[in-house]
Amino acid sequence: MIPGVEADIGQDPKNLNERGYSHIMNFRSSGGLDYLEKAIECFSQAIMLTPDSHPEKPPHLTNLGVSYTDRFRRLGEMNDLEKSIEYLSRAVALTPQGHPDMPLRSANLGTSYTDRYRRLGEVEDLKRSIEYNSRAVASTPEGHPDMPR
């Protein structure tokens, strides 16, 4: 074995994240919950193996948060929505201002707050949804294809 090289490539955070992404895409095309569970497992492991200071930590957190959003929308379990907000909040907090992925990460978090507002009717969740979605719009460059014309 070469020093500094992972003995099991399956424990490499990048590899785990890519496998998780493949599982989430399979879930979205087939609807099979087993794919979603595998995605959550892969993303969770990638997060555990990635230090907060690493630039790939926010994308891993985002993928896990969005996966929990998908599971909440499928099964309706509030715990999944709470986890979604937790991981998406961490992703936003670790993303530097001006980063090109900040608009999408803010929008994802805003969407989770919208889902929680729809379920619980708490005005504070609606305010947070508006706040994060407004941040998403404000941080999206002019002329970006995701901006309305």
N, C-alpha and C. Protein backbone atom coordinates (compact mmCIF):
# COMPACT_ATOMS: atom_id res chain seq x y z
N MET A 1 0.85 -1.19 0.00
CA MET A 1 0.00 0.00 0.00
C MET A 1 0.88 1.24 0.00
N ILE A 2 0.50 2.24 -0.75
CA ILE A 2 1.24 3.50 -0.83
C ILE A 2 0.82 4.38 0.34
N PRO A 3 1.80 4.94 1.10
CA PRO A 3 1.43 5.81 2.23
C PRO A 3 0.58 6.99 1.76
N GLY A 4 -0.46 7.28 2.53
CA GLY A 4 -1.32 8.42 2.23
C GLY A 4 -2.43 8.12 1.24
N VAL A 5 -2.48 6.89 0.72
CA VAL A 5 -3.52 6.51 -0.23
C VAL A 5 -4.55 5.66 0.49
N GLU A 6 -5.81 5.96 0.29
CA GLU A 6 -6.89 5.21 0.93
C GLU A 6 -6.82 3.74 0.52
N ALA A 7 -6.91 2.85 1.49
CA ALA A 7 -6.94 1.42 1.19
C ALA A 7 -8.26 1.05 0.52
N ASP A 8 -9.32 1.72 0.91
CA ASP A 8 -10.65 1.44 0.37
C ASP A 8 -11.17 2.70 -0.28
N ILE A 9 -11.18 2.72 -1.61
CA ILE A 9 -11.62 3.92 -2.32
C ILE A 9 -13.07 4.26 -1.99
N GLY A 10 -13.83 3.28 -1.50
CA GLY A 10 -15.21 3.54 -1.09
C GLY A 10 -15.31 4.50 0.07
N GLN A 11 -14.23 4.70 0.80
CA GLN A 11 -14.23 5.62 1.92
C GLN A 11 -13.71 7.00 1.55
N ASP A 12 -13.47 7.23 0.28
CA ASP A 12 -13.05 8.54 -0.20
C ASP A 12 -14.29 9.43 -0.29
N PRO A 13 -14.28 10.62 0.36
CA PRO A 13 -15.48 11.47 0.35
C PRO A 13 -15.99 11.82 -1.05
N LYS A 14 -15.06 12.08 -1.97
CA LYS A 14 -15.49 12.43 -3.33
C LYS A 14 -16.21 11.25 -3.98
N ASN A 15 -15.64 10.06 -3.81
CA ASN A 15 -16.26 8.86 -4.36
C ASN A 15 -17.63 8.61 -3.74
N LEU A 16 -17.72 8.78 -2.43
CA LEU A 16 -18.99 8.60 -1.73
C LEU A 16 -20.03 9.59 -2.23
N ASN A 17 -19.62 10.84 -2.40
CA ASN A 17 -20.55 11.87 -2.88
C ASN A 17 -21.04 11.54 -4.29
N GLU A 18 -20.13 11.08 -5.15
CA GLU A 18 -20.52 10.73 -6.51
C GLU A 18 -21.47 9.53 -6.53
N ARG A 19 -21.20 8.54 -5.68
CA ARG A 19 -22.12 7.40 -5.59
C ARG A 19 -23.48 7.85 -5.07
N GLY A 20 -23.46 8.73 -4.07
CA GLY A 20 -24.72 9.25 -3.54
C GLY A 20 -25.51 9.97 -4.61
N TYR A 21 -24.81 10.76 -5.43
CA TYR A 21 -25.49 11.49 -6.50
C TYR A 21 -26.11 10.51 -7.51
N SER A 22 -25.39 9.43 -7.82
CA SER A 22 -25.95 8.42 -8.73
C SER A 22 -27.21 7.80 -8.14
N HIS A 23 -27.17 7.52 -6.84
CA HIS A 23 -28.36 6.95 -6.18
C HIS A 23 -29.53 7.92 -6.20
N ILE A 24 -29.26 9.21 -5.97
CA ILE A 24 -30.36 10.18 -5.94
C ILE A 24 -30.96 10.33 -7.34
N MET A 25 -30.13 10.26 -8.37
CA MET A 25 -30.67 10.34 -9.73
C MET A 25 -31.51 9.10 -10.05
N ASN A 26 -31.08 7.94 -9.57
CA ASN A 26 -31.89 6.72 -9.75
C ASN A 26 -33.21 6.84 -9.01
N PHE A 27 -33.18 7.41 -7.81
CA PHE A 27 -34.42 7.62 -7.06
C PHE A 27 -35.36 8.53 -7.84
N ARG A 28 -34.84 9.61 -8.37
CA ARG A 28 -35.70 10.57 -9.07
C ARG A 28 -36.27 10.00 -10.36
N SER A 29 -35.55 9.08 -10.99
CA SER A 29 -36.10 8.50 -12.22
C SER A 29 -37.00 7.30 -11.95
N SER A 30 -36.72 6.55 -10.90
CA SER A 30 -37.50 5.33 -10.65
C SER A 30 -38.49 5.45 -9.49
N GLY A 31 -38.21 6.37 -8.56
CA GLY A 31 -39.05 6.49 -7.38
C GLY A 31 -38.74 5.47 -6.30
N GLY A 32 -37.71 4.65 -6.52
CA GLY A 32 -37.36 3.61 -5.56
C GLY A 32 -36.73 4.19 -4.30
N LEU A 33 -37.41 4.01 -3.17
CA LEU A 33 -36.91 4.56 -1.90
C LEU A 33 -35.56 3.98 -1.50
N ASP A 34 -35.26 2.76 -1.93
CA ASP A 34 -33.97 2.18 -1.58
C ASP A 34 -32.82 3.01 -2.14
N TYR A 35 -33.01 3.61 -3.31
CA TYR A 35 -31.99 4.49 -3.88
C TYR A 35 -31.81 5.74 -3.01
N LEU A 36 -32.91 6.28 -2.54
CA LEU A 36 -32.84 7.47 -1.69
C LEU A 36 -32.12 7.15 -0.39
N GLU A 37 -32.40 6.01 0.20
CA GLU A 37 -31.73 5.61 1.44
C GLU A 37 -30.23 5.45 1.21
N LYS A 38 -29.85 4.84 0.09
CA LYS A 38 -28.43 4.67 -0.23
C LYS A 38 -27.76 6.02 -0.45
N ALA A 39 -28.46 6.94 -1.09
CA ALA A 39 -27.91 8.28 -1.30
C ALA A 39 -27.65 8.97 0.03
N ILE A 40 -28.62 8.92 0.93
CA ILE A 40 -28.46 9.54 2.24
C ILE A 40 -27.28 8.93 2.99
N GLU A 41 -27.14 7.62 2.90
CA GLU A 41 -26.01 6.95 3.56
C GLU A 41 -24.67 7.42 2.98
N CYS A 42 -24.56 7.47 1.66
CA CYS A 42 -23.31 7.91 1.02
C CYS A 42 -22.99 9.36 1.37
N PHE A 43 -23.98 10.25 1.26
CA PHE A 43 -23.74 11.65 1.57
C PHE A 43 -23.37 11.84 3.03
N SER A 44 -24.00 11.10 3.92
CA SER A 44 -23.68 11.19 5.36
C SER A 44 -22.24 10.78 5.62
N GLN A 45 -21.80 9.70 4.99
CA GLN A 45 -20.42 9.25 5.17
C GLN A 45 -19.44 10.27 4.60
N ALA A 46 -19.76 10.84 3.44
CA ALA A 46 -18.88 11.85 2.84
C ALA A 46 -18.71 13.04 3.78
N ILE A 47 -19.79 13.45 4.42
CA ILE A 47 -19.74 14.58 5.35
C ILE A 47 -18.87 14.25 6.55
N MET A 48 -19.02 13.05 7.09
CA MET A 48 -18.22 12.67 8.26
C MET A 48 -16.73 12.65 7.95
N LEU A 49 -16.37 12.35 6.71
CA LEU A 49 -14.97 12.23 6.32
C LEU A 49 -14.37 13.53 5.78
N THR A 50 -15.17 14.58 5.71
CA THR A 50 -14.72 15.85 5.13
C THR A 50 -14.67 16.93 6.21
N PRO A 51 -13.50 17.54 6.44
CA PRO A 51 -13.43 18.61 7.45
C PRO A 51 -14.21 19.84 7.00
N ASP A 52 -14.71 20.61 7.97
CA ASP A 52 -15.47 21.83 7.66
C ASP A 52 -14.69 22.80 6.79
N SER A 53 -13.37 22.80 6.91
CA SER A 53 -12.54 23.74 6.15
C SER A 53 -12.34 23.32 4.69
N HIS A 54 -12.75 22.13 4.34
CA HIS A 54 -12.55 21.62 2.98
C HIS A 54 -13.60 22.24 2.05
N PRO A 55 -13.19 22.66 0.84
CA PRO A 55 -14.15 23.30 -0.08
C PRO A 55 -15.28 22.40 -0.55
N GLU A 56 -15.14 21.09 -0.42
CA GLU A 56 -16.21 20.18 -0.83
C GLU A 56 -17.25 19.93 0.26
N LYS A 57 -17.01 20.45 1.47
CA LYS A 57 -17.98 20.21 2.55
C LYS A 57 -19.35 20.81 2.22
N PRO A 58 -19.44 22.08 1.78
CA PRO A 58 -20.78 22.62 1.47
C PRO A 58 -21.54 21.83 0.40
N PRO A 59 -20.89 21.39 -0.70
CA PRO A 59 -21.66 20.58 -1.65
C PRO A 59 -22.16 19.26 -1.06
N HIS A 60 -21.34 18.62 -0.21
CA HIS A 60 -21.79 17.38 0.43
C HIS A 60 -23.00 17.66 1.32
N LEU A 61 -22.93 18.75 2.09
CA LEU A 61 -24.04 19.12 2.97
C LEU A 61 -25.30 19.42 2.16
N THR A 62 -25.12 20.12 1.05
CA THR A 62 -26.26 20.45 0.19
C THR A 62 -26.92 19.18 -0.34
N ASN A 63 -26.10 18.26 -0.84
CA ASN A 63 -26.66 17.02 -1.38
C ASN A 63 -27.44 16.24 -0.32
N LEU A 64 -26.90 16.19 0.90
CA LEU A 64 -27.62 15.48 1.96
C LEU A 64 -28.90 16.22 2.33
N GLY A 65 -28.82 17.55 2.44
CA GLY A 65 -30.01 18.33 2.77
C GLY A 65 -31.12 18.17 1.75
N VAL A 66 -30.76 18.22 0.48
CA VAL A 66 -31.76 18.07 -0.59
C VAL A 66 -32.33 16.64 -0.59
N SER A 67 -31.50 15.67 -0.25
CA SER A 67 -31.99 14.28 -0.16
C SER A 67 -33.02 14.14 0.95
N TYR A 68 -32.76 14.80 2.07
CA TYR A 68 -33.76 14.76 3.15
C TYR A 68 -35.04 15.49 2.74
N THR A 69 -34.91 16.56 1.94
CA THR A 69 -36.10 17.23 1.42
C THR A 69 -36.90 16.26 0.55
N ASP A 70 -36.20 15.54 -0.32
CA ASP A 70 -36.88 14.56 -1.17
C ASP A 70 -37.61 13.52 -0.33
N ARG A 71 -36.95 13.04 0.73
CA ARG A 71 -37.58 12.01 1.56
C ARG A 71 -38.78 12.59 2.32
N PHE A 72 -38.65 13.84 2.79
CA PHE A 72 -39.79 14.48 3.45
C PHE A 72 -40.97 14.56 2.49
N ARG A 73 -40.73 14.98 1.28
CA ARG A 73 -41.82 15.12 0.31
C ARG A 73 -42.44 13.78 -0.05
N ARG A 74 -41.67 12.74 0.04
CA ARG A 74 -42.18 11.41 -0.28
C ARG A 74 -42.93 10.78 0.90
N LEU A 75 -42.34 10.90 2.11
CA LEU A 75 -42.90 10.19 3.27
C LEU A 75 -43.63 11.09 4.26
N GLY A 76 -43.36 12.40 4.20
CA GLY A 76 -44.05 13.34 5.08
C GLY A 76 -43.55 13.37 6.51
N GLU A 77 -42.37 12.82 6.77
CA GLU A 77 -41.82 12.79 8.13
C GLU A 77 -41.15 14.12 8.45
N MET A 78 -41.62 14.78 9.51
CA MET A 78 -41.07 16.09 9.90
C MET A 78 -39.59 16.01 10.25
N ASN A 79 -39.15 14.90 10.81
CA ASN A 79 -37.74 14.75 11.16
C ASN A 79 -36.85 14.92 9.92
N ASP A 80 -37.31 14.43 8.78
CA ASP A 80 -36.55 14.59 7.54
C ASP A 80 -36.45 16.06 7.14
N LEU A 81 -37.53 16.80 7.30
CA LEU A 81 -37.51 18.22 6.97
C LEU A 81 -36.59 18.98 7.92
N GLU A 82 -36.60 18.62 9.19
CA GLU A 82 -35.70 19.27 10.17
C GLU A 82 -34.24 19.00 9.80
N LYS A 83 -33.94 17.78 9.39
CA LYS A 83 -32.57 17.45 8.98
C LYS A 83 -32.21 18.22 7.71
N SER A 84 -33.15 18.34 6.80
CA SER A 84 -32.91 19.11 5.58
C SER A 84 -32.49 20.53 5.92
N ILE A 85 -33.25 21.17 6.79
CA ILE A 85 -32.94 22.55 7.18
C ILE A 85 -31.59 22.61 7.89
N GLU A 86 -31.31 21.64 8.75
CA GLU A 86 -30.03 21.62 9.47
C GLU A 86 -28.85 21.56 8.49
N TYR A 87 -28.88 20.61 7.57
CA TYR A 87 -27.75 20.44 6.65
C TYR A 87 -27.66 21.57 5.63
N LEU A 88 -28.78 22.04 5.13
CA LEU A 88 -28.75 23.15 4.18
C LEU A 88 -28.28 24.44 4.86
N SER A 89 -28.64 24.64 6.12
CA SER A 89 -28.16 25.81 6.87
C SER A 89 -26.65 25.76 7.03
N ARG A 90 -26.12 24.58 7.33
CA ARG A 90 -24.67 24.43 7.46
C ARG A 90 -23.98 24.69 6.13
N ALA A 91 -24.58 24.23 5.04
CA ALA A 91 -24.00 24.46 3.71
C ALA A 91 -23.92 25.95 3.41
N VAL A 92 -25.00 26.67 3.69
CA VAL A 92 -25.01 28.12 3.45
C VAL A 92 -23.98 28.81 4.34
N ALA A 93 -23.91 28.41 5.61
CA ALA A 93 -22.98 29.04 6.55
C ALA A 93 -21.52 28.83 6.14
N LEU A 94 -21.21 27.70 5.53
CA LEU A 94 -19.83 27.39 5.14
C LEU A 94 -19.47 27.89 3.74
N THR A 95 -20.44 28.41 3.02
CA THR A 95 -20.20 28.90 1.66
C THR A 95 -19.78 30.37 1.72
N PRO A 96 -18.61 30.69 1.15
CA PRO A 96 -18.16 32.09 1.18
C PRO A 96 -19.10 33.01 0.38
N GLN A 97 -19.25 34.23 0.87
CA GLN A 97 -20.03 35.23 0.13
C GLN A 97 -19.44 35.39 -1.27
N GLY A 98 -20.29 35.52 -2.25
CA GLY A 98 -19.84 35.68 -3.62
C GLY A 98 -19.56 34.36 -4.34
N HIS A 99 -19.64 33.25 -3.64
CA HIS A 99 -19.41 31.95 -4.28
C HIS A 99 -20.52 31.70 -5.29
N PRO A 100 -20.18 31.16 -6.46
CA PRO A 100 -21.20 30.96 -7.50
C PRO A 100 -22.34 30.01 -7.12
N ASP A 101 -22.13 29.16 -6.12
CA ASP A 101 -23.20 28.24 -5.70
C ASP A 101 -24.08 28.79 -4.59
N MET A 102 -23.75 29.99 -4.08
CA MET A 102 -24.54 30.56 -3.00
C MET A 102 -26.01 30.77 -3.37
N PRO A 103 -26.32 31.26 -4.58
CA PRO A 103 -27.75 31.43 -4.90
C PRO A 103 -28.55 30.13 -4.81
N LEU A 104 -28.02 29.06 -5.37
CA LEU A 104 -28.74 27.78 -5.34
C LEU A 104 -28.85 27.24 -3.92
N ARG A 105 -27.78 27.35 -3.15
CA ARG A 105 -27.82 26.86 -1.77
C ARG A 105 -28.82 27.65 -0.93
N SER A 106 -28.86 28.96 -1.13
CA SER A 106 -29.83 29.79 -0.42
C SER A 106 -31.26 29.44 -0.84
N ALA A 107 -31.45 29.22 -2.13
CA ALA A 107 -32.79 28.86 -2.63
C ALA A 107 -33.24 27.51 -2.08
N ASN A 108 -32.31 26.54 -2.01
CA ASN A 108 -32.66 25.24 -1.44
C ASN A 108 -33.12 25.38 0.01
N LEU A 109 -32.40 26.19 0.78
CA LEU A 109 -32.77 26.40 2.18
C LEU A 109 -34.12 27.11 2.26
N GLY A 110 -34.31 28.12 1.42
CA GLY A 110 -35.59 28.82 1.39
C GLY A 110 -36.75 27.90 1.08
N THR A 111 -36.53 26.96 0.17
CA THR A 111 -37.56 26.00 -0.20
C THR A 111 -37.91 25.09 0.98
N SER A 112 -36.91 24.68 1.74
CA SER A 112 -37.19 23.83 2.91
C SER A 112 -37.98 24.59 3.96
N TYR A 113 -37.66 25.88 4.14
CA TYR A 113 -38.47 26.68 5.07
C TYR A 113 -39.90 26.84 4.55
N THR A 114 -40.07 26.94 3.23
CA THR A 114 -41.42 27.00 2.66
C THR A 114 -42.18 25.72 2.96
N ASP A 115 -41.51 24.59 2.78
CA ASP A 115 -42.15 23.30 3.09
C ASP A 115 -42.58 23.24 4.55
N ARG A 116 -41.72 23.72 5.45
CA ARG A 116 -42.07 23.67 6.87
C ARG A 116 -43.21 24.64 7.19
N TYR A 117 -43.20 25.81 6.53
CA TYR A 117 -44.31 26.75 6.72
C TYR A 117 -45.63 26.11 6.28
N ARG A 118 -45.61 25.45 5.13
CA ARG A 118 -46.83 24.81 4.63
C ARG A 118 -47.33 23.72 5.57
N ARG A 119 -46.42 23.05 6.25
CA ARG A 119 -46.81 21.97 7.15
C ARG A 119 -47.27 22.51 8.50
N LEU A 120 -46.51 23.48 9.06
CA LEU A 120 -46.78 23.92 10.43
C LEU A 120 -47.50 25.26 10.54
N GLY A 121 -47.43 26.06 9.46
CA GLY A 121 -48.09 27.35 9.48
C GLY A 121 -47.42 28.40 10.34
N GLU A 122 -46.14 28.19 10.68
CA GLU A 122 -45.41 29.16 11.50
C GLU A 122 -44.92 30.32 10.63
N VAL A 123 -45.32 31.53 10.99
CA VAL A 123 -44.97 32.71 10.22
C VAL A 123 -43.45 32.91 10.16
N GLU A 124 -42.74 32.52 11.21
CA GLU A 124 -41.28 32.66 11.22
C GLU A 124 -40.64 31.85 10.09
N ASP A 125 -41.19 30.69 9.78
CA ASP A 125 -40.68 29.89 8.66
C ASP A 125 -40.93 30.59 7.33
N LEU A 126 -42.08 31.23 7.19
CA LEU A 126 -42.36 31.99 5.98
C LEU A 126 -41.38 33.15 5.83
N LYS A 127 -41.09 33.83 6.94
CA LYS A 127 -40.12 34.93 6.90
C LYS A 127 -38.74 34.44 6.49
N ARG A 128 -38.34 33.30 7.02
CA ARG A 128 -37.03 32.74 6.66
C ARG A 128 -37.00 32.31 5.20
N SER A 129 -38.10 31.75 4.73
CA SER A 129 -38.19 31.37 3.33
C SER A 129 -38.00 32.59 2.43
N ILE A 130 -38.69 33.65 2.76
CA ILE A 130 -38.56 34.89 1.98
C ILE A 130 -37.14 35.42 2.06
N GLU A 131 -36.56 35.38 3.26
CA GLU A 131 -35.18 35.87 3.45
C GLU A 131 -34.19 35.11 2.57
N TYR A 132 -34.23 33.78 2.62
CA TYR A 132 -33.25 32.99 1.86
C TYR A 132 -33.52 33.02 0.36
N ASN A 133 -34.77 33.04 -0.04
CA ASN A 133 -35.06 33.15 -1.46
C ASN A 133 -34.70 34.53 -2.00
N SER A 134 -34.86 35.56 -1.17
CA SER A 134 -34.43 36.91 -1.57
C SER A 134 -32.92 36.98 -1.71
N ARG A 135 -32.21 36.33 -0.78
CA ARG A 135 -30.74 36.26 -0.88
C ARG A 135 -30.33 35.55 -2.16
N ALA A 136 -31.05 34.50 -2.50
CA ALA A 136 -30.73 33.76 -3.72
C ALA A 136 -30.85 34.65 -4.94
N VAL A 137 -31.93 35.40 -5.01
CA VAL A 137 -32.13 36.31 -6.15
C VAL A 137 -31.07 37.40 -6.15
N ALA A 138 -30.81 38.00 -4.98
CA ALA A 138 -29.85 39.10 -4.89
C ALA A 138 -28.43 38.66 -5.24
N SER A 139 -28.09 37.40 -4.98
CA SER A 139 -26.73 36.94 -5.23
C SER A 139 -26.56 36.27 -6.59
N THR A 140 -27.63 36.22 -7.37
CA THR A 140 -27.54 35.66 -8.72
C THR A 140 -27.13 36.77 -9.68
N PRO A 141 -26.05 36.54 -10.44
CA PRO A 141 -25.57 37.58 -11.35
C PRO A 141 -26.61 37.94 -12.41
N GLU A 142 -26.59 39.19 -12.80
CA GLU A 142 -27.48 39.66 -13.86
C GLU A 142 -27.21 38.87 -15.14
N GLY A 143 -28.25 38.48 -15.82
CA GLY A 143 -28.12 37.73 -17.05
C GLY A 143 -27.95 36.23 -16.85
N HIS A 144 -27.93 35.78 -15.60
CA HIS A 144 -27.79 34.34 -15.32
C HIS A 144 -29.02 33.61 -15.86
N PRO A 145 -28.85 32.42 -16.44
CA PRO A 145 -30.00 31.72 -17.03
C PRO A 145 -31.10 31.35 -16.03
N ASP A 146 -30.78 31.30 -14.74
CA ASP A 146 -31.81 30.97 -13.75
C ASP A 146 -32.65 32.18 -13.34
N MET A 147 -32.26 33.36 -13.78
CA MET A 147 -33.01 34.57 -13.43
C MET A 147 -34.15 34.78 -14.41
N PRO A 148 -35.31 35.19 -13.89
CA PRO A 148 -36.41 35.50 -14.82
C PRO A 148 -36.07 36.72 -15.66
N ARG A 149 -36.62 36.75 -16.86
CA ARG A 149 -36.33 37.88 -17.77
C ARG A 149 -37.39 38.93 -17.66
